[in-house]
Amino acid sequence: MLILSRKLGESIVIDGRITVRIVRVDGDTVKLGIAAPAEVPVHRQEVYQEIQLSNQAALTKGRRVVPKLSAERPVLPTATPLPAGSPA
């Protein structure tokens, strides 16, 4: 892990595409501003972990078995024609 010291208003750049700036320091809380391309997901760690758990649960839940299709074509019922002159 790389550990850096930054002052209010200073930034770090990751991969030339992501900028993390120290926006505010309130006591023991640091507010960060993160600028990243739209295709780069940025999450708080607890949210990211919940997404990973949810994705894993979706993969491991009992999978529905899809019935095998028959090679034969089903016979569909045909409509009985109405007598001439009867209302539809």
PDB file of N, CA and C in Angstrom:
ATOM      1  N   MET A   1       0.844  -1.173   0.000  1.00  0.00           N
ATOM      2  CA  MET A   1       0.000   0.000   0.000  1.00  0.00           C
ATOM      3  C   MET A   1       0.892   1.240   0.000  1.00  0.00           C
ATOM      4  N   LEU A   2       0.569   2.162  -0.847  1.00  0.00           N
ATOM      5  CA  LEU A   2       1.281   3.441  -0.901  1.00  0.00           C
ATOM      6  C   LEU A   2       0.597   4.396   0.067  1.00  0.00           C
ATOM      7  N   ILE A   3       1.354   5.033   0.920  1.00  0.00           N
ATOM      8  CA  ILE A   3       0.800   5.998   1.880  1.00  0.00           C
ATOM      9  C   ILE A   3       1.376   7.363   1.542  1.00  0.00           C
ATOM     10  N   LEU A   4       0.491   8.318   1.309  1.00  0.00           N
ATOM     11  CA  LEU A   4       0.902   9.673   0.934  1.00  0.00           C
ATOM     12  C   LEU A   4       0.343  10.676   1.924  1.00  0.00           C
ATOM     13  N   SER A   5       1.034  11.769   2.082  1.00  0.00           N
ATOM     14  CA  SER A   5       0.515  12.898   2.856  1.00  0.00           C
ATOM     15  C   SER A   5       0.077  13.962   1.864  1.00  0.00           C
ATOM     16  N   ARG A   6      -1.092  14.497   2.047  1.00  0.00           N
ATOM     17  CA  ARG A   6      -1.612  15.555   1.192  1.00  0.00           C
ATOM     18  C   ARG A   6      -2.237  16.612   2.073  1.00  0.00           C
ATOM     19  N   LYS A   7      -2.176  17.836   1.648  1.00  0.00           N
ATOM     20  CA  LYS A   7      -2.802  18.944   2.359  1.00  0.00           C
ATOM     21  C   LYS A   7      -4.091  19.321   1.643  1.00  0.00           C
ATOM     22  N   LEU A   8      -4.893  20.097   2.328  1.00  0.00           N
ATOM     23  CA  LEU A   8      -6.153  20.580   1.771  1.00  0.00           C
ATOM     24  C   LEU A   8      -5.920  21.191   0.394  1.00  0.00           C
ATOM     25  N   GLY A   9      -6.676  20.780  -0.589  1.00  0.00           N
ATOM     26  CA  GLY A   9      -6.577  21.292  -1.948  1.00  0.00           C
ATOM     27  C   GLY A   9      -5.596  20.532  -2.817  1.00  0.00           C
ATOM     28  N   GLU A  10      -4.755  19.675  -2.231  1.00  0.00           N
ATOM     29  CA  GLU A  10      -3.799  18.901  -3.016  1.00  0.00           C
ATOM     30  C   GLU A  10      -4.461  17.636  -3.562  1.00  0.00           C
ATOM     31  N   SER A  11      -3.835  17.063  -4.587  1.00  0.00           N
ATOM     32  CA  SER A  11      -4.421  15.920  -5.290  1.00  0.00           C
ATOM     33  C   SER A  11      -3.392  14.831  -5.511  1.00  0.00           C
ATOM     34  N   ILE A  12      -3.892  13.676  -5.887  1.00  0.00           N
ATOM     35  CA  ILE A  12      -3.063  12.606  -6.448  1.00  0.00           C
ATOM     36  C   ILE A  12      -3.727  12.181  -7.748  1.00  0.00           C
ATOM     37  N   VAL A  13      -2.928  11.648  -8.663  1.00  0.00           N
ATOM     38  CA  VAL A  13      -3.448  11.181  -9.953  1.00  0.00           C
ATOM     39  C   VAL A  13      -3.142   9.693 -10.064  1.00  0.00           C
ATOM     40  N   ILE A  14      -4.150   8.932 -10.455  1.00  0.00           N
ATOM     41  CA  ILE A  14      -4.020   7.479 -10.605  1.00  0.00           C
ATOM     42  C   ILE A  14      -4.195   7.137 -12.076  1.00  0.00           C
ATOM     43  N   ASP A  15      -3.209   6.474 -12.641  1.00  0.00           N
ATOM     44  CA  ASP A  15      -3.266   5.995 -14.028  1.00  0.00           C
ATOM     45  C   ASP A  15      -3.482   7.123 -15.042  1.00  0.00           C
ATOM     46  N   GLY A  16      -3.187   8.338 -14.662  1.00  0.00           N
ATOM     47  CA  GLY A  16      -3.353   9.451 -15.588  1.00  0.00           C
ATOM     48  C   GLY A  16      -4.803   9.777 -15.916  1.00  0.00           C
ATOM     49  N   ARG A  17      -5.751   9.049 -15.317  1.00  0.00           N
ATOM     50  CA  ARG A  17      -7.171   9.244 -15.640  1.00  0.00           C
ATOM     51  C   ARG A  17      -8.025   9.587 -14.429  1.00  0.00           C
ATOM     52  N   ILE A  18      -7.549   9.282 -13.236  1.00  0.00           N
ATOM     53  CA  ILE A  18      -8.342   9.464 -12.029  1.00  0.00           C
ATOM     54  C   ILE A  18      -7.618  10.450 -11.118  1.00  0.00           C
ATOM     55  N   THR A  19      -8.324  11.497 -10.710  1.00  0.00           N
ATOM     56  CA  THR A  19      -7.756  12.491  -9.807  1.00  0.00           C
ATOM     57  C   THR A  19      -8.516  12.444  -8.492  1.00  0.00           C
ATOM     58  N   VAL A  20      -7.774  12.328  -7.397  1.00  0.00           N
ATOM     59  CA  VAL A  20      -8.354  12.346  -6.055  1.00  0.00           C
ATOM     60  C   VAL A  20      -7.825  13.592  -5.359  1.00  0.00           C
ATOM     61  N   ARG A  21      -8.745  14.485  -4.954  1.00  0.00           N
ATOM     62  CA  ARG A  21      -8.367  15.761  -4.344  1.00  0.00           C
ATOM     63  C   ARG A  21      -8.899  15.813  -2.911  1.00  0.00           C
ATOM     64  N   ILE A  22      -8.094  16.378  -2.013  1.00  0.00           N
ATOM     65  CA  ILE A  22      -8.539  16.617  -0.649  1.00  0.00           C
ATOM     66  C   ILE A  22      -9.387  17.889  -0.687  1.00  0.00           C
ATOM     67  N   VAL A  23     -10.672  17.748  -0.425  1.00  0.00           N
ATOM     68  CA  VAL A  23     -11.601  18.874  -0.548  1.00  0.00           C
ATOM     69  C   VAL A  23     -11.811  19.570   0.791  1.00  0.00           C
ATOM     70  N   ARG A  24     -11.881  18.773   1.875  1.00  0.00           N
ATOM     71  CA  ARG A  24     -12.132  19.372   3.187  1.00  0.00           C
ATOM     72  C   ARG A  24     -11.667  18.403   4.263  1.00  0.00           C
ATOM     73  N   VAL A  25     -11.247  18.947   5.379  1.00  0.00           N
ATOM     74  CA  VAL A  25     -10.897  18.140   6.542  1.00  0.00           C
ATOM     75  C   VAL A  25     -11.738  18.661   7.703  1.00  0.00           C
ATOM     76  N   ASP A  26     -12.600  17.800   8.244  1.00  0.00           N
ATOM     77  CA  ASP A  26     -13.455  18.146   9.380  1.00  0.00           C
ATOM     78  C   ASP A  26     -13.113  17.210  10.535  1.00  0.00           C
ATOM     79  N   GLY A  27     -12.261  17.651  11.446  1.00  0.00           N
ATOM     80  CA  GLY A  27     -11.863  16.787  12.562  1.00  0.00           C
ATOM     81  C   GLY A  27     -11.134  15.563  12.042  1.00  0.00           C
ATOM     82  N   ASP A  28     -11.716  14.378  12.305  1.00  0.00           N
ATOM     83  CA  ASP A  28     -11.077  13.143  11.845  1.00  0.00           C
ATOM     84  C   ASP A  28     -11.679  12.637  10.533  1.00  0.00           C
ATOM     85  N   THR A  29     -12.471  13.465   9.872  1.00  0.00           N
ATOM     86  CA  THR A  29     -13.087  13.096   8.597  1.00  0.00           C
ATOM     87  C   THR A  29     -12.448  13.888   7.465  1.00  0.00           C
ATOM     88  N   VAL A  30     -12.065  13.176   6.422  1.00  0.00           N
ATOM     89  CA  VAL A  30     -11.472  13.808   5.242  1.00  0.00           C
ATOM     90  C   VAL A  30     -12.470  13.680   4.097  1.00  0.00           C
ATOM     91  N   LYS A  31     -12.785  14.790   3.447  1.00  0.00           N
ATOM     92  CA  LYS A  31     -13.678  14.782   2.288  1.00  0.00           C
ATOM     93  C   LYS A  31     -12.816  14.735   1.032  1.00  0.00           C
ATOM     94  N   LEU A  32     -13.094  13.749   0.188  1.00  0.00           N
ATOM     95  CA  LEU A  32     -12.337  13.573  -1.048  1.00  0.00           C
ATOM     96  C   LEU A  32     -13.218  13.909  -2.240  1.00  0.00           C
ATOM     97  N   GLY A  33     -12.625  14.515  -3.242  1.00  0.00           N
ATOM     98  CA  GLY A  33     -13.276  14.692  -4.533  1.00  0.00           C
ATOM     99  C   GLY A  33     -12.590  13.762  -5.515  1.00  0.00           C
ATOM    100  N   ILE A  34     -13.375  12.993  -6.259  1.00  0.00           N
ATOM    101  CA  ILE A  34     -12.800  12.018  -7.185  1.00  0.00           C
ATOM    102  C   ILE A  34     -13.320  12.319  -8.589  1.00  0.00           C
ATOM    103  N   ALA A  35     -12.389  12.552  -9.510  1.00  0.00           N
ATOM    104  CA  ALA A  35     -12.740  12.765 -10.921  1.00  0.00           C
ATOM    105  C   ALA A  35     -12.229  11.549 -11.693  1.00  0.00           C
ATOM    106  N   ALA A  36     -13.163  10.820 -12.290  1.00  0.00           N
ATOM    107  CA  ALA A  36     -12.797   9.612 -13.037  1.00  0.00           C
ATOM    108  C   ALA A  36     -13.686   9.516 -14.270  1.00  0.00           C
ATOM    109  N   PRO A  37     -13.205   8.846 -15.313  1.00  0.00           N
ATOM    110  CA  PRO A  37     -14.048   8.643 -16.500  1.00  0.00           C
ATOM    111  C   PRO A  37     -15.328   7.884 -16.123  1.00  0.00           C
ATOM    112  N   ALA A  38     -16.377   8.115 -16.882  1.00  0.00           N
ATOM    113  CA  ALA A  38     -17.675   7.497 -16.594  1.00  0.00           C
ATOM    114  C   ALA A  38     -17.607   5.974 -16.588  1.00  0.00           C
ATOM    115  N   GLU A  39     -16.696   5.394 -17.363  1.00  0.00           N
ATOM    116  CA  GLU A  39     -16.625   3.935 -17.445  1.00  0.00           C
ATOM    117  C   GLU A  39     -15.869   3.314 -16.266  1.00  0.00           C
ATOM    118  N   VAL A  40     -15.323   4.145 -15.381  1.00  0.00           N
ATOM    119  CA  VAL A  40     -14.612   3.640 -14.202  1.00  0.00           C
ATOM    120  C   VAL A  40     -15.557   3.739 -13.005  1.00  0.00           C
ATOM    121  N   PRO A  41     -16.018   2.599 -12.476  1.00  0.00           N
ATOM    122  CA  PRO A  41     -16.901   2.666 -11.313  1.00  0.00           C
ATOM    123  C   PRO A  41     -16.123   3.109 -10.073  1.00  0.00           C
ATOM    124  N   VAL A  42     -16.729   3.996  -9.285  1.00  0.00           N
ATOM    125  CA  VAL A  42     -16.125   4.463  -8.046  1.00  0.00           C
ATOM    126  C   VAL A  42     -17.156   4.255  -6.944  1.00  0.00           C
ATOM    127  N   HIS A  43     -16.805   3.450  -5.943  1.00  0.00           N
ATOM    128  CA  HIS A  43     -17.723   3.139  -4.841  1.00  0.00           C
ATOM    129  C   HIS A  43     -16.984   3.253  -3.519  1.00  0.00           C
ATOM    130  N   ARG A  44     -17.728   3.539  -2.451  1.00  0.00           N
ATOM    131  CA  ARG A  44     -17.166   3.378  -1.111  1.00  0.00           C
ATOM    132  C   ARG A  44     -16.923   1.890  -0.908  1.00  0.00           C
ATOM    133  N   GLN A  45     -15.943   1.533  -0.102  1.00  0.00           N
ATOM    134  CA  GLN A  45     -15.579   0.124   0.054  1.00  0.00           C
ATOM    135  C   GLN A  45     -16.747  -0.722   0.538  1.00  0.00           C
ATOM    136  N   GLU A  46     -17.533  -0.234   1.506  1.00  0.00           N
ATOM    137  CA  GLU A  46     -18.650  -1.034   2.016  1.00  0.00           C
ATOM    138  C   GLU A  46     -19.717  -1.265   0.947  1.00  0.00           C
ATOM    139  N   VAL A  47     -19.914  -0.296   0.063  1.00  0.00           N
ATOM    140  CA  VAL A  47     -20.861  -0.473  -1.039  1.00  0.00           C
ATOM    141  C   VAL A  47     -20.304  -1.475  -2.048  1.00  0.00           C
ATOM    142  N   TYR A  48     -19.030  -1.355  -2.360  1.00  0.00           N
ATOM    143  CA  TYR A  48     -18.387  -2.290  -3.291  1.00  0.00           C
ATOM    144  C   TYR A  48     -18.477  -3.722  -2.771  1.00  0.00           C
ATOM    145  N   GLN A  49     -18.213  -3.923  -1.485  1.00  0.00           N
ATOM    146  CA  GLN A  49     -18.303  -5.263  -0.904  1.00  0.00           C
ATOM    147  C   GLN A  49     -19.720  -5.811  -0.991  1.00  0.00           C
ATOM    148  N   GLU A  50     -20.712  -4.978  -0.759  1.00  0.00           N
ATOM    149  CA  GLU A  50     -22.111  -5.421  -0.845  1.00  0.00           C
ATOM    150  C   GLU A  50     -22.474  -5.800  -2.281  1.00  0.00           C
ATOM    151  N   ILE A  51     -21.986  -5.045  -3.254  1.00  0.00           N
ATOM    152  CA  ILE A  51     -22.221  -5.376  -4.663  1.00  0.00           C
ATOM    153  C   ILE A  51     -21.600  -6.733  -4.982  1.00  0.00           C
ATOM    154  N   GLN A  52     -20.367  -6.960  -4.503  1.00  0.00           N
ATOM    155  CA  GLN A  52     -19.699  -8.235  -4.764  1.00  0.00           C
ATOM    156  C   GLN A  52     -20.459  -9.396  -4.131  1.00  0.00           C
ATOM    157  N   LEU A  53     -20.921  -9.232  -2.890  1.00  0.00           N
ATOM    158  CA  LEU A  53     -21.693 -10.289  -2.222  1.00  0.00           C
ATOM    159  C   LEU A  53     -22.998 -10.566  -2.955  1.00  0.00           C
ATOM    160  N   SER A  54     -23.657  -9.507  -3.397  1.00  0.00           N
ATOM    161  CA  SER A  54     -24.908  -9.656  -4.127  1.00  0.00           C
ATOM    162  C   SER A  54     -24.693 -10.379  -5.455  1.00  0.00           C
ATOM    163  N   ASN A  55     -23.621 -10.016  -6.162  1.00  0.00           N
ATOM    164  CA  ASN A  55     -23.317 -10.684  -7.434  1.00  0.00           C
ATOM    165  C   ASN A  55     -22.992 -12.156  -7.210  1.00  0.00           C
ATOM    166  N   GLN A  56     -22.238 -12.456  -6.160  1.00  0.00           N
ATOM    167  CA  GLN A  56     -21.883 -13.847  -5.862  1.00  0.00           C
ATOM    168  C   GLN A  56     -23.131 -14.649  -5.505  1.00  0.00           C
ATOM    169  N   ALA A  57     -24.031 -14.049  -4.722  1.00  0.00           N
ATOM    170  CA  ALA A  57     -25.267 -14.735  -4.345  1.00  0.00           C
ATOM    171  C   ALA A  57     -26.121 -15.014  -5.576  1.00  0.00           C
ATOM    172  N   ALA A  58     -26.160 -14.077  -6.509  1.00  0.00           N
ATOM    173  CA  ALA A  58     -26.956 -14.272  -7.722  1.00  0.00           C
ATOM    174  C   ALA A  58     -26.397 -15.418  -8.564  1.00  0.00           C
ATOM    175  N   LEU A  59     -25.072 -15.585  -8.542  1.00  0.00           N
ATOM    176  CA  LEU A  59     -24.450 -16.659  -9.319  1.00  0.00           C
ATOM    177  C   LEU A  59     -24.664 -18.028  -8.687  1.00  0.00           C
ATOM    178  N   THR A  60     -24.769 -18.083  -7.375  1.00  0.00           N
ATOM    179  CA  THR A  60     -24.829 -19.372  -6.692  1.00  0.00           C
ATOM    180  C   THR A  60     -26.226 -19.796  -6.285  1.00  0.00           C
ATOM    181  N   LYS A  61     -27.222 -18.952  -6.453  1.00  0.00           N
ATOM    182  CA  LYS A  61     -28.595 -19.343  -6.129  1.00  0.00           C
ATOM    183  C   LYS A  61     -29.006 -20.500  -7.014  1.00  0.00           C
ATOM    184  N   GLY A  62     -29.942 -21.296  -6.503  1.00  0.00           N
ATOM    185  CA  GLY A  62     -30.422 -22.442  -7.279  1.00  0.00           C
ATOM    186  C   GLY A  62     -30.847 -22.024  -8.667  1.00  0.00           C
ATOM    187  N   ARG A  63     -30.219 -22.624  -9.614  1.00  0.00           N
ATOM    188  CA  ARG A  63     -30.539 -22.276 -11.001  1.00  0.00           C
ATOM    189  C   ARG A  63     -31.769 -23.024 -11.446  1.00  0.00           C
ATOM    190  N   ARG A  64     -32.635 -22.354 -12.152  1.00  0.00           N
ATOM    191  CA  ARG A  64     -33.825 -22.993 -12.699  1.00  0.00           C
ATOM    192  C   ARG A  64     -33.413 -23.889 -13.849  1.00  0.00           C
ATOM    193  N   VAL A  65     -34.014 -25.034 -13.877  1.00  0.00           N
ATOM    194  CA  VAL A  65     -33.735 -25.952 -14.979  1.00  0.00           C
ATOM    195  C   VAL A  65     -34.725 -25.632 -16.087  1.00  0.00           C
ATOM    196  N   VAL A  66     -34.207 -25.356 -17.249  1.00  0.00           N
ATOM    197  CA  VAL A  66     -35.053 -25.056 -18.401  1.00  0.00           C
ATOM    198  C   VAL A  66     -35.390 -26.392 -19.067  1.00  0.00           C
ATOM    199  N   PRO A  67     -36.695 -26.663 -19.263  1.00  0.00           N
ATOM    200  CA  PRO A  67     -37.045 -27.947 -19.868  1.00  0.00           C
ATOM    201  C   PRO A  67     -36.491 -28.061 -21.286  1.00  0.00           C
ATOM    202  N   LYS A  68     -36.091 -29.260 -21.630  1.00  0.00           N
ATOM    203  CA  LYS A  68     -35.548 -29.504 -22.955  1.00  0.00           C
ATOM    204  C   LYS A  68     -36.681 -29.454 -23.969  1.00  0.00           C
ATOM    205  N   LEU A  69     -36.432 -28.806 -25.075  1.00  0.00           N
ATOM    206  CA  LEU A  69     -37.452 -28.710 -26.120  1.00  0.00           C
ATOM    207  C   LEU A  69     -37.527 -30.016 -26.886  1.00  0.00           C
ATOM    208  N   SER A  70     -38.745 -30.389 -27.234  1.00  0.00           N
ATOM    209  CA  SER A  70     -38.946 -31.608 -28.002  1.00  0.00           C
ATOM    210  C   SER A  70     -38.619 -31.342 -29.465  1.00  0.00           C
ATOM    211  N   ALA A  71     -38.129 -32.355 -30.138  1.00  0.00           N
ATOM    212  CA  ALA A  71     -37.826 -32.234 -31.560  1.00  0.00           C
ATOM    213  C   ALA A  71     -39.107 -32.207 -32.382  1.00  0.00           C
ATOM    214  N   GLU A  72     -40.191 -32.733 -31.795  1.00  0.00           N
ATOM    215  CA  GLU A  72     -41.469 -32.747 -32.517  1.00  0.00           C
ATOM    216  C   GLU A  72     -42.138 -31.399 -32.392  1.00  0.00           C
ATOM    217  N   ARG A  73     -42.859 -31.026 -33.435  1.00  0.00           N
ATOM    218  CA  ARG A  73     -43.610 -29.779 -33.391  1.00  0.00           C
ATOM    219  C   ARG A  73     -44.924 -30.032 -32.679  1.00  0.00           C
ATOM    220  N   PRO A  74     -45.317 -29.195 -31.754  1.00  0.00           N
ATOM    221  CA  PRO A  74     -46.577 -29.406 -31.052  1.00  0.00           C
ATOM    222  C   PRO A  74     -47.765 -29.184 -31.989  1.00  0.00           C
ATOM    223  N   VAL A  75     -48.817 -29.909 -31.721  1.00  0.00           N
ATOM    224  CA  VAL A  75     -50.041 -29.752 -32.497  1.00  0.00           C
ATOM    225  C   VAL A  75     -50.876 -28.711 -31.783  1.00  0.00           C
ATOM    226  N   LEU A  76     -51.154 -27.619 -32.482  1.00  0.00           N
ATOM    227  CA  LEU A  76     -51.934 -26.544 -31.899  1.00  0.00           C
ATOM    228  C   LEU A  76     -53.399 -26.740 -32.241  1.00  0.00           C
ATOM    229  N   PRO A  77     -54.293 -26.455 -31.299  1.00  0.00           N
ATOM    230  CA  PRO A  77     -55.721 -26.579 -31.612  1.00  0.00           C
ATOM    231  C   PRO A  77     -56.111 -25.563 -32.680  1.00  0.00           C
ATOM    232  N   THR A  78     -57.011 -25.955 -33.542  1.00  0.00           N
ATOM    233  CA  THR A  78     -57.480 -25.042 -34.587  1.00  0.00           C
ATOM    234  C   THR A  78     -58.811 -24.462 -34.167  1.00  0.00           C
ATOM    235  N   ALA A  79     -59.069 -23.254 -34.599  1.00  0.00           N
ATOM    236  CA  ALA A  79     -60.329 -22.594 -34.266  1.00  0.00           C
ATOM    237  C   ALA A  79     -61.457 -23.195 -35.093  1.00  0.00           C
ATOM    238  N   THR A  80     -62.608 -23.358 -34.434  1.00  0.00           N
ATOM    239  CA  THR A  80     -63.780 -23.867 -35.136  1.00  0.00           C
ATOM    240  C   THR A  80     -64.440 -22.702 -35.840  1.00  0.00           C
ATOM    241  N   PRO A  81     -64.663 -22.828 -37.149  1.00  0.00           N
ATOM    242  CA  PRO A  81     -65.283 -21.702 -37.857  1.00  0.00           C
ATOM    243  C   PRO A  81     -66.716 -21.491 -37.387  1.00  0.00           C
ATOM    244  N   LEU A  82     -67.115 -20.199 -37.315  1.00  0.00           N
ATOM    245  CA  LEU A  82     -68.484 -19.862 -36.919  1.00  0.00           C
ATOM    246  C   LEU A  82     -69.404 -20.048 -38.109  1.00  0.00           C
ATOM    247  N   PRO A  83     -70.637 -20.453 -37.837  1.00  0.00           N
ATOM    248  CA  PRO A  83     -71.598 -20.564 -38.944  1.00  0.00           C
ATOM    249  C   PRO A  83     -71.818 -19.201 -39.591  1.00  0.00           C
ATOM    250  N   ALA A  84     -72.122 -19.222 -40.864  1.00  0.00           N
ATOM    251  CA  ALA A  84     -72.346 -17.990 -41.614  1.00  0.00           C
ATOM    252  C   ALA A  84     -73.506 -17.221 -41.009  1.00  0.00           C
ATOM    253  N   GLY A  85     -73.342 -15.926 -40.875  1.00  0.00           N
ATOM    254  CA  GLY A  85     -74.410 -15.071 -40.379  1.00  0.00           C
ATOM    255  C   GLY A  85     -74.432 -14.933 -38.861  1.00  0.00           C
ATOM    256  N   SER A  86     -73.610 -15.673 -38.122  1.00  0.00           N
ATOM    257  CA  SER A  86     -73.624 -15.542 -36.665  1.00  0.00           C
ATOM    258  C   SER A  86     -72.719 -14.386 -36.256  1.00  0.00           C
ATOM    259  N   PRO A  87     -73.039 -13.710 -35.123  1.00  0.00           N
ATOM    260  CA  PRO A  87     -72.183 -12.581 -34.704  1.00  0.00           C
ATOM    261  C   PRO A  87     -70.811 -13.087 -34.258  1.00  0.00           C
ATOM    262  N   ALA A  88     -69.802 -12.297 -34.494  1.00  0.00           N
ATOM    263  CA  ALA A  88     -68.427 -12.680 -34.157  1.00  0.00           C
ATOM    264  C   ALA A  88     -68.132 -12.500 -32.705  1.00  0.00           C
TER     265      ALA A  88
END
